[in-house]
Amino acid sequence: MYDIDYNERDISFKLEGKSFDNGYDFNDTLMSLNYFQDILDKAYLTIVNKDRMSKNDRTIYKVKATEIRKGSFIADLMIYTGSAMQIGFSVLNTYYPSLLLDITKQGFEYLKTVLQAEKDGKRISVSNNGDGDVMILNIEGDSNAPIYVGANAFDFADRAYNSIRDLSSMIDNDNVKKINIFDKTEKRNIMKLGIKEKEILNVEPKTDETPIFITGRIFRIDVRAKTGKMIVVKSEIEDLINGEFNFEILDSSDISKCCSVIGREAEFGVFRRIQYDPIKLTNQVIYLRVFKVK
């Protein structure tokens, strides 16, 4: 029904470490490839401004392995993207593979830059150029600032951060030492991951030890795991209000109290578990630690 006019881009995907010295460890190899596929999917979805891949998207955008060579794990991959034509009329625009890789490279560099600056305790701000197509990144004390980032790359960084972080998390300096994604067509690195990049990208959550009291409504609880989910109805911290948060119960004696208030409003004393968000440039609450139930 559709004729696809494809554009191609040849890239190299290289994994180094003990897992790939004598044969290829299935788990590490497949996980790495899956994370990379997901990263490219996020770049594609950013360009077409969609949240999920459809069957039609899989028709016009593909990633294929064309050769696997010895020497760690080295796979030559080909990205195909094209426009679908039906009875001579274009139903989808052409999205060149080079644009996918541009967005991936820029988004990856943005995340590294921001997270390193946060780690160094520098003040960071992001604004746009007025047209909305370029984001301007300013970092305190950075001689290279301002740094200009395409709005698409900024959006991609938001979508793909978890997948990029997961890919970097595979690096243990032993079984998986390095991951390198290289654009063979333009002879440029797209992503280089080693132990240094892993440390930058993997921001550990921390507990804010300041106790706060909230009014919430529990709608899910796991007694064995001492965890659940609640909606925050009232709080002295406005950002929490109307938010849905996972929580853990610190004192086992509070489990029955939590069960008794399921579905209705109750007061809780909580600590906040927070993590730095490289897009919002602030610490975000990722879950609550309940230390008291009234």
C-alpha atoms as a PDB file:
ATOM      1  CA  MET A   1       0.000   0.000   0.000  1.00  0.00           C
ATOM      2  CA  TYR A   2       2.880   2.382   0.804  1.00  0.00           C
ATOM      3  CA  ASP A   3       6.147   2.921  -1.024  1.00  0.00           C
ATOM      4  CA  ILE A   4       8.872   4.071   1.323  1.00  0.00           C
ATOM      5  CA  ASP A   5      11.609   6.386   0.124  1.00  0.00           C
ATOM      6  CA  TYR A   6      14.293   5.669   2.727  1.00  0.00           C
ATOM      7  CA  ASN A   7      17.290   7.657   3.862  1.00  0.00           C
ATOM      8  CA  GLU A   8      20.106   5.794   5.621  1.00  0.00           C
ATOM      9  CA  ARG A   9      22.776   6.467   8.237  1.00  0.00           C
ATOM     10  CA  ASP A  10      25.557   4.028   9.105  1.00  0.00           C
ATOM     11  CA  ILE A  11      26.606   3.923  12.773  1.00  0.00           C
ATOM     12  CA  SER A  12      28.841   1.779  14.947  1.00  0.00           C
ATOM     13  CA  PHE A  13      27.709   0.461  18.338  1.00  0.00           C
ATOM     14  CA  LYS A  14      30.637  -0.811  20.413  1.00  0.00           C
ATOM     15  CA  LEU A  15      30.597  -2.516  23.818  1.00  0.00           C
ATOM     16  CA  GLU A  16      33.845  -3.188  25.697  1.00  0.00           C
ATOM     17  CA  GLY A  17      34.432  -5.358  28.755  1.00  0.00           C
ATOM     18  CA  LYS A  18      34.703  -8.950  29.952  1.00  0.00           C
ATOM     19  CA  SER A  19      31.103  -9.680  28.925  1.00  0.00           C
ATOM     20  CA  PHE A  20      32.185  -9.422  25.285  1.00  0.00           C
ATOM     21  CA  ASP A  21      35.696 -10.885  25.292  1.00  0.00           C
ATOM     22  CA  ASN A  22      34.850 -14.557  24.730  1.00  0.00           C
ATOM     23  CA  GLY A  23      31.488 -14.649  23.060  1.00  0.00           C
ATOM     24  CA  TYR A  24      28.793 -12.155  23.933  1.00  0.00           C
ATOM     25  CA  ASP A  25      26.898 -12.195  27.209  1.00  0.00           C
ATOM     26  CA  PHE A  26      23.242 -12.243  26.093  1.00  0.00           C
ATOM     27  CA  ASN A  27      21.911 -10.235  29.012  1.00  0.00           C
ATOM     28  CA  ASP A  28      24.400  -7.350  28.751  1.00  0.00           C
ATOM     29  CA  THR A  29      24.325  -7.286  24.945  1.00  0.00           C
ATOM     30  CA  LEU A  30      20.542  -7.322  24.576  1.00  0.00           C
ATOM     31  CA  MET A  31      19.955  -4.853  27.398  1.00  0.00           C
ATOM     32  CA  SER A  32      22.423  -2.404  25.860  1.00  0.00           C
ATOM     33  CA  LEU A  33      20.843  -2.682  22.428  1.00  0.00           C
ATOM     34  CA  ASN A  34      17.345  -2.317  23.876  1.00  0.00           C
ATOM     35  CA  TYR A  35      18.306   0.836  25.781  1.00  0.00           C
ATOM     36  CA  PHE A  36      19.880   2.284  22.637  1.00  0.00           C
ATOM     37  CA  GLN A  37      16.799   1.430  20.567  1.00  0.00           C
ATOM     38  CA  ASP A  38      14.682   3.209  23.161  1.00  0.00           C
ATOM     39  CA  ILE A  39      16.950   6.272  23.036  1.00  0.00           C
ATOM     40  CA  LEU A  40      16.591   6.480  19.252  1.00  0.00           C
ATOM     41  CA  ASP A  41      12.842   5.920  19.553  1.00  0.00           C
ATOM     42  CA  LYS A  42      12.661   8.928  21.885  1.00  0.00           C
ATOM     43  CA  ALA A  43      14.561  11.028  19.316  1.00  0.00           C
ATOM     44  CA  TYR A  44      12.120   9.981  16.604  1.00  0.00           C
ATOM     45  CA  LEU A  45       9.084  10.654  18.808  1.00  0.00           C
ATOM     46  CA  THR A  46      10.483  14.085  19.653  1.00  0.00           C
ATOM     47  CA  ILE A  47      10.699  14.981  15.982  1.00  0.00           C
ATOM     48  CA  VAL A  48       7.185  13.780  15.124  1.00  0.00           C
ATOM     49  CA  ASN A  49       5.821  15.151  18.430  1.00  0.00           C
ATOM     50  CA  LYS A  50       4.208  11.903  19.559  1.00  0.00           C
ATOM     51  CA  ASP A  51       4.214   9.975  22.820  1.00  0.00           C
ATOM     52  CA  ARG A  52       4.220   6.419  21.469  1.00  0.00           C
ATOM     53  CA  MET A  53       5.442   4.488  18.475  1.00  0.00           C
ATOM     54  CA  SER A  54       2.683   3.240  16.179  1.00  0.00           C
ATOM     55  CA  LYS A  55       2.802   0.416  13.648  1.00  0.00           C
ATOM     56  CA  ASN A  56       3.068   3.015  10.915  1.00  0.00           C
ATOM     57  CA  ASP A  57       6.012   4.677  12.672  1.00  0.00           C
ATOM     58  CA  ARG A  58       7.796   1.311  12.765  1.00  0.00           C
ATOM     59  CA  THR A  59       7.272   1.117   9.002  1.00  0.00           C
ATOM     60  CA  ILE A  60       9.016   4.382   8.210  1.00  0.00           C
ATOM     61  CA  TYR A  61      11.670   4.285  10.942  1.00  0.00           C
ATOM     62  CA  LYS A  62      13.887   1.242  11.467  1.00  0.00           C
ATOM     63  CA  VAL A  63      17.199   0.330  13.074  1.00  0.00           C
ATOM     64  CA  LYS A  64      18.896  -2.766  11.614  1.00  0.00           C
ATOM     65  CA  ALA A  65      22.157  -4.560  12.361  1.00  0.00           C
ATOM     66  CA  THR A  66      24.077  -5.026   9.123  1.00  0.00           C
ATOM     67  CA  GLU A  67      27.232  -6.654  10.540  1.00  0.00           C
ATOM     68  CA  ILE A  68      28.643  -7.842  13.875  1.00  0.00           C
ATOM     69  CA  ARG A  69      32.418  -8.002  14.163  1.00  0.00           C
ATOM     70  CA  LYS A  70      34.755  -9.530  16.727  1.00  0.00           C
ATOM     71  CA  GLY A  71      36.799  -7.343  19.040  1.00  0.00           C
ATOM     72  CA  SER A  72      34.587  -6.743  22.051  1.00  0.00           C
ATOM     73  CA  PHE A  73      31.064  -6.378  20.612  1.00  0.00           C
ATOM     74  CA  ILE A  74      31.024  -4.165  17.540  1.00  0.00           C
ATOM     75  CA  ALA A  75      27.787  -3.910  15.582  1.00  0.00           C
ATOM     76  CA  ASP A  76      27.327  -1.881  12.434  1.00  0.00           C
ATOM     77  CA  LEU A  77      23.812  -0.523  12.584  1.00  0.00           C
ATOM     78  CA  MET A  78      21.810   1.194   9.892  1.00  0.00           C
ATOM     79  CA  ILE A  79      19.096   3.720  10.675  1.00  0.00           C
ATOM     80  CA  TYR A  80      16.428   3.966   8.011  1.00  0.00           C
ATOM     81  CA  THR A  81      13.878   6.768   7.951  1.00  0.00           C
ATOM     82  CA  GLY A  82      11.670   7.818   5.098  1.00  0.00           C
ATOM     83  CA  SER A  83       8.453   9.306   3.846  1.00  0.00           C
ATOM     84  CA  ALA A  84       5.466   7.137   3.012  1.00  0.00           C
ATOM     85  CA  MET A  85       3.769   7.802  -0.301  1.00  0.00           C
ATOM     86  CA  GLN A  86       0.221   6.753  -1.148  1.00  0.00           C
ATOM     87  CA  ILE A  87      -1.090   7.309  -4.666  1.00  0.00           C
ATOM     88  CA  GLY A  88       1.515   9.992  -5.203  1.00  0.00           C
ATOM     89  CA  PHE A  89       0.641  12.066  -2.114  1.00  0.00           C
ATOM     90  CA  SER A  90       2.946  12.393   0.892  1.00  0.00           C
ATOM     91  CA  VAL A  91       1.254  11.348   4.137  1.00  0.00           C
ATOM     92  CA  LEU A  92       4.338  11.685   6.316  1.00  0.00           C
ATOM     93  CA  ASN A  93       7.265  14.047   6.087  1.00  0.00           C
ATOM     94  CA  THR A  94      10.791  12.746   5.664  1.00  0.00           C
ATOM     95  CA  TYR A  95      12.841  12.613   8.876  1.00  0.00           C
ATOM     96  CA  TYR A  96      16.479  12.159   8.044  1.00  0.00           C
ATOM     97  CA  PRO A  97      18.622   9.858  10.228  1.00  0.00           C
ATOM     98  CA  SER A  98      21.136  12.698  10.609  1.00  0.00           C
ATOM     99  CA  LEU A  99      18.471  14.712  12.461  1.00  0.00           C
ATOM    100  CA  LEU A 100      17.841  11.790  14.827  1.00  0.00           C
ATOM    101  CA  LEU A 101      21.542  11.614  15.602  1.00  0.00           C
ATOM    102  CA  ASP A 102      21.899  15.406  15.932  1.00  0.00           C
ATOM    103  CA  ILE A 103      19.146  15.474  18.551  1.00  0.00           C
ATOM    104  CA  THR A 104      20.589  12.442  20.356  1.00  0.00           C
ATOM    105  CA  LYS A 105      24.087  13.958  20.491  1.00  0.00           C
ATOM    106  CA  GLN A 106      22.895  17.416  21.577  1.00  0.00           C
ATOM    107  CA  GLY A 107      20.530  16.024  24.221  1.00  0.00           C
ATOM    108  CA  PHE A 108      23.239  13.754  25.625  1.00  0.00           C
ATOM    109  CA  GLU A 109      25.745  16.629  25.826  1.00  0.00           C
ATOM    110  CA  TYR A 110      23.125  18.850  27.479  1.00  0.00           C
ATOM    111  CA  LEU A 111      22.472  16.260  30.199  1.00  0.00           C
ATOM    112  CA  LYS A 112      26.183  15.761  30.875  1.00  0.00           C
ATOM    113  CA  THR A 113      26.810  19.511  31.050  1.00  0.00           C
ATOM    114  CA  VAL A 114      23.913  20.291  33.384  1.00  0.00           C
ATOM    115  CA  LEU A 115      24.458  17.336  35.712  1.00  0.00           C
ATOM    116  CA  GLN A 116      28.180  18.060  35.995  1.00  0.00           C
ATOM    117  CA  ALA A 117      27.406  21.708  36.809  1.00  0.00           C
ATOM    118  CA  GLU A 118      24.918  20.627  39.474  1.00  0.00           C
ATOM    119  CA  LYS A 119      27.494  18.251  40.905  1.00  0.00           C
ATOM    120  CA  ASP A 120      29.982  21.150  41.050  1.00  0.00           C
ATOM    121  CA  GLY A 121      27.447  23.319  42.883  1.00  0.00           C
ATOM    122  CA  LYS A 122      27.104  25.887  40.073  1.00  0.00           C
ATOM    123  CA  ARG A 123      23.944  27.896  39.431  1.00  0.00           C
ATOM    124  CA  ILE A 124      22.202  26.941  36.197  1.00  0.00           C
ATOM    125  CA  SER A 125      19.440  28.620  34.215  1.00  0.00           C
ATOM    126  CA  VAL A 126      17.700  27.911  30.923  1.00  0.00           C
ATOM    127  CA  SER A 127      15.739  30.365  28.789  1.00  0.00           C
ATOM    128  CA  ASN A 128      14.598  30.446  25.162  1.00  0.00           C
ATOM    129  CA  ASN A 129      15.548  32.756  22.326  1.00  0.00           C
ATOM    130  CA  GLY A 130      12.046  34.151  21.984  1.00  0.00           C
ATOM    131  CA  ASP A 131      11.127  32.018  18.982  1.00  0.00           C
ATOM    132  CA  GLY A 132      11.081  28.856  21.059  1.00  0.00           C
ATOM    133  CA  ASP A 133      13.369  26.913  18.730  1.00  0.00           C
ATOM    134  CA  VAL A 134      16.602  27.366  20.718  1.00  0.00           C
ATOM    135  CA  MET A 135      17.202  27.032  24.459  1.00  0.00           C
ATOM    136  CA  ILE A 136      19.941  29.143  26.029  1.00  0.00           C
ATOM    137  CA  LEU A 137      21.853  27.453  28.847  1.00  0.00           C
ATOM    138  CA  ASN A 138      23.748  29.630  31.330  1.00  0.00           C
ATOM    139  CA  ILE A 139      26.095  28.130  33.920  1.00  0.00           C
ATOM    140  CA  GLU A 140      27.750  30.167  36.641  1.00  0.00           C
ATOM    141  CA  GLY A 141      31.478  30.540  36.046  1.00  0.00           C
ATOM    142  CA  ASP A 142      31.462  28.629  32.735  1.00  0.00           C
ATOM    143  CA  SER A 143      33.623  30.382  30.149  1.00  0.00           C
ATOM    144  CA  ASN A 144      31.742  28.544  27.375  1.00  0.00           C
ATOM    145  CA  ALA A 145      28.358  29.930  28.449  1.00  0.00           C
ATOM    146  CA  PRO A 146      25.878  30.710  27.128  1.00  0.00           C
ATOM    147  CA  ILE A 147      25.414  27.347  25.465  1.00  0.00           C
ATOM    148  CA  TYR A 148      22.760  27.079  22.762  1.00  0.00           C
ATOM    149  CA  VAL A 149      20.663  23.927  22.635  1.00  0.00           C
ATOM    150  CA  GLY A 150      17.989  23.166  20.051  1.00  0.00           C
ATOM    151  CA  ALA A 151      14.494  23.022  21.541  1.00  0.00           C
ATOM    152  CA  ASN A 152      14.038  19.543  20.050  1.00  0.00           C
ATOM    153  CA  ALA A 153      17.233  18.365  21.767  1.00  0.00           C
ATOM    154  CA  PHE A 154      15.995  19.849  25.050  1.00  0.00           C
ATOM    155  CA  ASP A 155      12.687  18.008  24.665  1.00  0.00           C
ATOM    156  CA  PHE A 156      14.546  14.812  23.763  1.00  0.00           C
ATOM    157  CA  ALA A 157      16.732  15.109  26.881  1.00  0.00           C
ATOM    158  CA  ASP A 158      13.560  15.181  28.965  1.00  0.00           C
ATOM    159  CA  ARG A 159      12.088  12.142  27.221  1.00  0.00           C
ATOM    160  CA  ALA A 160      15.270  10.071  27.022  1.00  0.00           C
ATOM    161  CA  TYR A 161      17.078  10.843  30.296  1.00  0.00           C
ATOM    162  CA  ASN A 162      15.926   7.646  32.019  1.00  0.00           C
ATOM    163  CA  SER A 163      17.004   5.477  29.071  1.00  0.00           C
ATOM    164  CA  ILE A 164      20.386   7.211  28.782  1.00  0.00           C
ATOM    165  CA  ARG A 165      20.879   6.835  32.529  1.00  0.00           C
ATOM    166  CA  ASP A 166      19.898   3.148  32.343  1.00  0.00           C
ATOM    167  CA  LEU A 167      22.378   2.561  29.525  1.00  0.00           C
ATOM    168  CA  SER A 168      25.162   4.230  31.507  1.00  0.00           C
ATOM    169  CA  SER A 169      24.185   2.217  34.611  1.00  0.00           C
ATOM    170  CA  MET A 170      25.337  -0.949  32.857  1.00  0.00           C
ATOM    171  CA  ILE A 171      28.941   0.222  33.084  1.00  0.00           C
ATOM    172  CA  ASP A 172      30.735  -1.407  36.021  1.00  0.00           C
ATOM    173  CA  ASN A 173      34.354  -0.955  34.839  1.00  0.00           C
ATOM    174  CA  ASP A 174      34.650  -4.739  34.553  1.00  0.00           C
ATOM    175  CA  ASN A 175      32.011  -6.664  32.627  1.00  0.00           C
ATOM    176  CA  VAL A 176      30.975  -3.511  30.752  1.00  0.00           C
ATOM    177  CA  LYS A 177      33.738  -0.898  30.624  1.00  0.00           C
ATOM    178  CA  LYS A 178      32.763   1.360  27.738  1.00  0.00           C
ATOM    179  CA  ILE A 179      29.904   2.011  25.355  1.00  0.00           C
ATOM    180  CA  ASN A 180      30.592   4.002  22.209  1.00  0.00           C
ATOM    181  CA  ILE A 181      28.073   5.059  19.557  1.00  0.00           C
ATOM    182  CA  PHE A 182      29.757   6.495  16.483  1.00  0.00           C
ATOM    183  CA  ASP A 183      28.305   8.089  13.356  1.00  0.00           C
ATOM    184  CA  LYS A 184      30.386   6.471  10.615  1.00  0.00           C
ATOM    185  CA  THR A 185      28.854   8.619   7.892  1.00  0.00           C
ATOM    186  CA  GLU A 186      29.928  11.947   9.421  1.00  0.00           C
ATOM    187  CA  LYS A 187      32.797  10.460  11.470  1.00  0.00           C
ATOM    188  CA  ARG A 188      31.662  11.844  14.834  1.00  0.00           C
ATOM    189  CA  ASN A 189      30.924  10.470  18.283  1.00  0.00           C
ATOM    190  CA  ILE A 190      27.260  10.500  19.262  1.00  0.00           C
ATOM    191  CA  MET A 191      27.599   9.067  22.769  1.00  0.00           C
ATOM    192  CA  LYS A 192      30.677   7.907  24.684  1.00  0.00           C
ATOM    193  CA  LEU A 193      29.981   6.273  28.011  1.00  0.00           C
ATOM    194  CA  GLY A 194      32.524   5.205  30.589  1.00  0.00           C
ATOM    195  CA  ILE A 195      32.704   5.192  34.369  1.00  0.00           C
ATOM    196  CA  LYS A 196      33.036   9.005  34.453  1.00  0.00           C
ATOM    197  CA  GLU A 197      29.867   9.532  32.417  1.00  0.00           C
ATOM    198  CA  LYS A 198      28.040   6.973  34.554  1.00  0.00           C
ATOM    199  CA  GLU A 199      28.910   8.936  37.708  1.00  0.00           C
ATOM    200  CA  ILE A 200      27.683  12.180  36.120  1.00  0.00           C
ATOM    201  CA  LEU A 201      24.419  10.796  34.725  1.00  0.00           C
ATOM    202  CA  ASN A 202      23.393   8.707  37.727  1.00  0.00           C
ATOM    203  CA  VAL A 203      22.212  11.218  40.277  1.00  0.00           C
ATOM    204  CA  GLU A 204      21.494   9.462  43.546  1.00  0.00           C
ATOM    205  CA  PRO A 205      18.289  10.465  45.361  1.00  0.00           C
ATOM    206  CA  LYS A 206      18.621  11.819  48.893  1.00  0.00           C
ATOM    207  CA  THR A 207      16.314  12.271  51.857  1.00  0.00           C
ATOM    208  CA  ASP A 208      15.394  15.750  53.038  1.00  0.00           C
ATOM    209  CA  GLU A 209      15.518  15.262  56.804  1.00  0.00           C
ATOM    210  CA  THR A 210      13.161  18.204  57.454  1.00  0.00           C
ATOM    211  CA  PRO A 211       9.891  16.670  58.752  1.00  0.00           C
ATOM    212  CA  ILE A 212       6.691  18.041  57.232  1.00  0.00           C
ATOM    213  CA  PHE A 213       3.023  17.265  57.876  1.00  0.00           C
ATOM    214  CA  ILE A 214       0.557  16.700  55.082  1.00  0.00           C
ATOM    215  CA  THR A 215      -3.040  15.651  54.593  1.00  0.00           C
ATOM    216  CA  GLY A 216      -3.293  12.798  52.138  1.00  0.00           C
ATOM    217  CA  ARG A 217      -5.559  10.070  50.867  1.00  0.00           C
ATOM    218  CA  ILE A 218      -4.097   6.576  50.449  1.00  0.00           C
ATOM    219  CA  PHE A 219      -5.496   4.631  47.505  1.00  0.00           C
ATOM    220  CA  ARG A 220      -3.015   1.755  47.321  1.00  0.00           C
ATOM    221  CA  ILE A 221      -0.986  -0.132  49.902  1.00  0.00           C
ATOM    222  CA  ASP A 222       1.283  -3.197  49.971  1.00  0.00           C
ATOM    223  CA  VAL A 223       1.411  -4.477  53.542  1.00  0.00           C
ATOM    224  CA  ARG A 224       4.350  -6.824  52.991  1.00  0.00           C
ATOM    225  CA  ALA A 225       6.537  -4.241  51.254  1.00  0.00           C
ATOM    226  CA  LYS A 226       5.367  -1.457  53.581  1.00  0.00           C
ATOM    227  CA  THR A 227       4.750   0.763  50.553  1.00  0.00           C
ATOM    228  CA  GLY A 228       1.798   2.436  48.906  1.00  0.00           C
ATOM    229  CA  LYS A 229       0.534   5.406  46.932  1.00  0.00           C
ATOM    230  CA  MET A 230      -1.360   8.488  48.076  1.00  0.00           C
ATOM    231  CA  ILE A 231      -2.712  11.803  46.808  1.00  0.00           C
ATOM    232  CA  VAL A 232      -1.565  14.843  48.786  1.00  0.00           C
ATOM    233  CA  VAL A 233      -4.578  17.035  49.570  1.00  0.00           C
ATOM    234  CA  LYS A 234      -3.001  19.650  51.854  1.00  0.00           C
ATOM    235  CA  SER A 235       0.604  20.616  52.514  1.00  0.00           C
ATOM    236  CA  GLU A 236       2.688  23.556  53.661  1.00  0.00           C
ATOM    237  CA  ILE A 237       4.699  22.923  50.473  1.00  0.00           C
ATOM    238  CA  GLU A 238       2.466  23.890  47.555  1.00  0.00           C
ATOM    239  CA  ASP A 239       4.299  21.772  44.976  1.00  0.00           C
ATOM    240  CA  LEU A 240       3.078  18.623  46.747  1.00  0.00           C
ATOM    241  CA  ILE A 241      -0.644  19.502  46.627  1.00  0.00           C
ATOM    242  CA  ASN A 242      -2.710  17.317  44.252  1.00  0.00           C
ATOM    243  CA  GLY A 243       0.351  15.220  43.498  1.00  0.00           C
ATOM    244  CA  GLU A 244       0.308  11.404  43.522  1.00  0.00           C
ATOM    245  CA  PHE A 245       3.302   9.980  45.365  1.00  0.00           C
ATOM    246  CA  ASN A 246       4.612   6.555  46.219  1.00  0.00           C
ATOM    247  CA  PHE A 247       5.431   6.228  49.889  1.00  0.00           C
ATOM    248  CA  GLU A 248       7.135   3.859  52.308  1.00  0.00           C
ATOM    249  CA  ILE A 249       6.164   3.288  55.948  1.00  0.00           C
ATOM    250  CA  LEU A 250       9.169   3.586  58.249  1.00  0.00           C
ATOM    251  CA  ASP A 251       7.582   2.133  61.435  1.00  0.00           C
ATOM    252  CA  SER A 252       5.871  -1.258  61.095  1.00  0.00           C
ATOM    253  CA  SER A 253       3.424  -0.275  63.824  1.00  0.00           C
ATOM    254  CA  ASP A 254       1.966   2.335  61.439  1.00  0.00           C
ATOM    255  CA  ILE A 255       0.958  -0.219  58.800  1.00  0.00           C
ATOM    256  CA  SER A 256      -2.408  -0.979  60.411  1.00  0.00           C
ATOM    257  CA  LYS A 257      -3.089   2.755  60.836  1.00  0.00           C
ATOM    258  CA  CYS A 258      -2.428   3.330  57.146  1.00  0.00           C
ATOM    259  CA  CYS A 259      -4.744   0.453  56.247  1.00  0.00           C
ATOM    260  CA  SER A 260      -7.503   1.915  58.435  1.00  0.00           C
ATOM    261  CA  VAL A 261      -7.494   5.242  56.558  1.00  0.00           C
ATOM    262  CA  ILE A 262      -7.429   3.927  52.977  1.00  0.00           C
ATOM    263  CA  GLY A 263      -9.745   6.000  50.798  1.00  0.00           C
ATOM    264  CA  ARG A 264     -10.181   8.863  53.240  1.00  0.00           C
ATOM    265  CA  GLU A 265      -8.181  11.896  54.259  1.00  0.00           C
ATOM    266  CA  ALA A 266      -5.689  11.575  57.117  1.00  0.00           C
ATOM    267  CA  GLU A 267      -2.668  13.442  58.451  1.00  0.00           C
ATOM    268  CA  PHE A 268       0.827  12.076  57.920  1.00  0.00           C
ATOM    269  CA  GLY A 269       4.280  13.099  59.056  1.00  0.00           C
ATOM    270  CA  VAL A 270       6.697  12.539  56.181  1.00  0.00           C
ATOM    271  CA  PHE A 271      10.232  13.038  54.967  1.00  0.00           C
ATOM    272  CA  ARG A 272      10.713  13.797  51.286  1.00  0.00           C
ATOM    273  CA  ARG A 273      12.953  11.689  49.060  1.00  0.00           C
ATOM    274  CA  ILE A 274      14.260  14.053  46.384  1.00  0.00           C
ATOM    275  CA  GLN A 275      16.236  13.829  43.157  1.00  0.00           C
ATOM    276  CA  TYR A 276      17.680  16.523  40.914  1.00  0.00           C
ATOM    277  CA  ASP A 277      15.799  17.022  37.633  1.00  0.00           C
ATOM    278  CA  PRO A 278      18.134  18.227  34.823  1.00  0.00           C
ATOM    279  CA  ILE A 279      15.206  19.633  32.837  1.00  0.00           C
ATOM    280  CA  LYS A 280      13.399  21.562  35.564  1.00  0.00           C
ATOM    281  CA  LEU A 281      16.780  22.321  37.178  1.00  0.00           C
ATOM    282  CA  THR A 282      15.381  21.727  40.661  1.00  0.00           C
ATOM    283  CA  ASN A 283      15.118  18.912  43.177  1.00  0.00           C
ATOM    284  CA  GLN A 284      11.902  16.957  42.640  1.00  0.00           C
ATOM    285  CA  VAL A 285      10.104  14.815  45.223  1.00  0.00           C
ATOM    286  CA  ILE A 286      10.171  11.224  43.984  1.00  0.00           C
ATOM    287  CA  TYR A 287       8.467   9.616  46.989  1.00  0.00           C
ATOM    288  CA  LEU A 288       7.553  10.122  50.635  1.00  0.00           C
ATOM    289  CA  ARG A 289       8.774   8.375  53.802  1.00  0.00           C
ATOM    290  CA  VAL A 290       5.971   8.190  56.345  1.00  0.00           C
ATOM    291  CA  PHE A 291       7.190   8.416  59.943  1.00  0.00           C
ATOM    292  CA  LYS A 292       3.855   9.211  61.642  1.00  0.00           C
ATOM    293  CA  VAL A 293       0.144   8.628  61.050  1.00  0.00           C
ATOM    294  CA  LYS A 294      -2.396  10.707  62.981  1.00  0.00           C
END
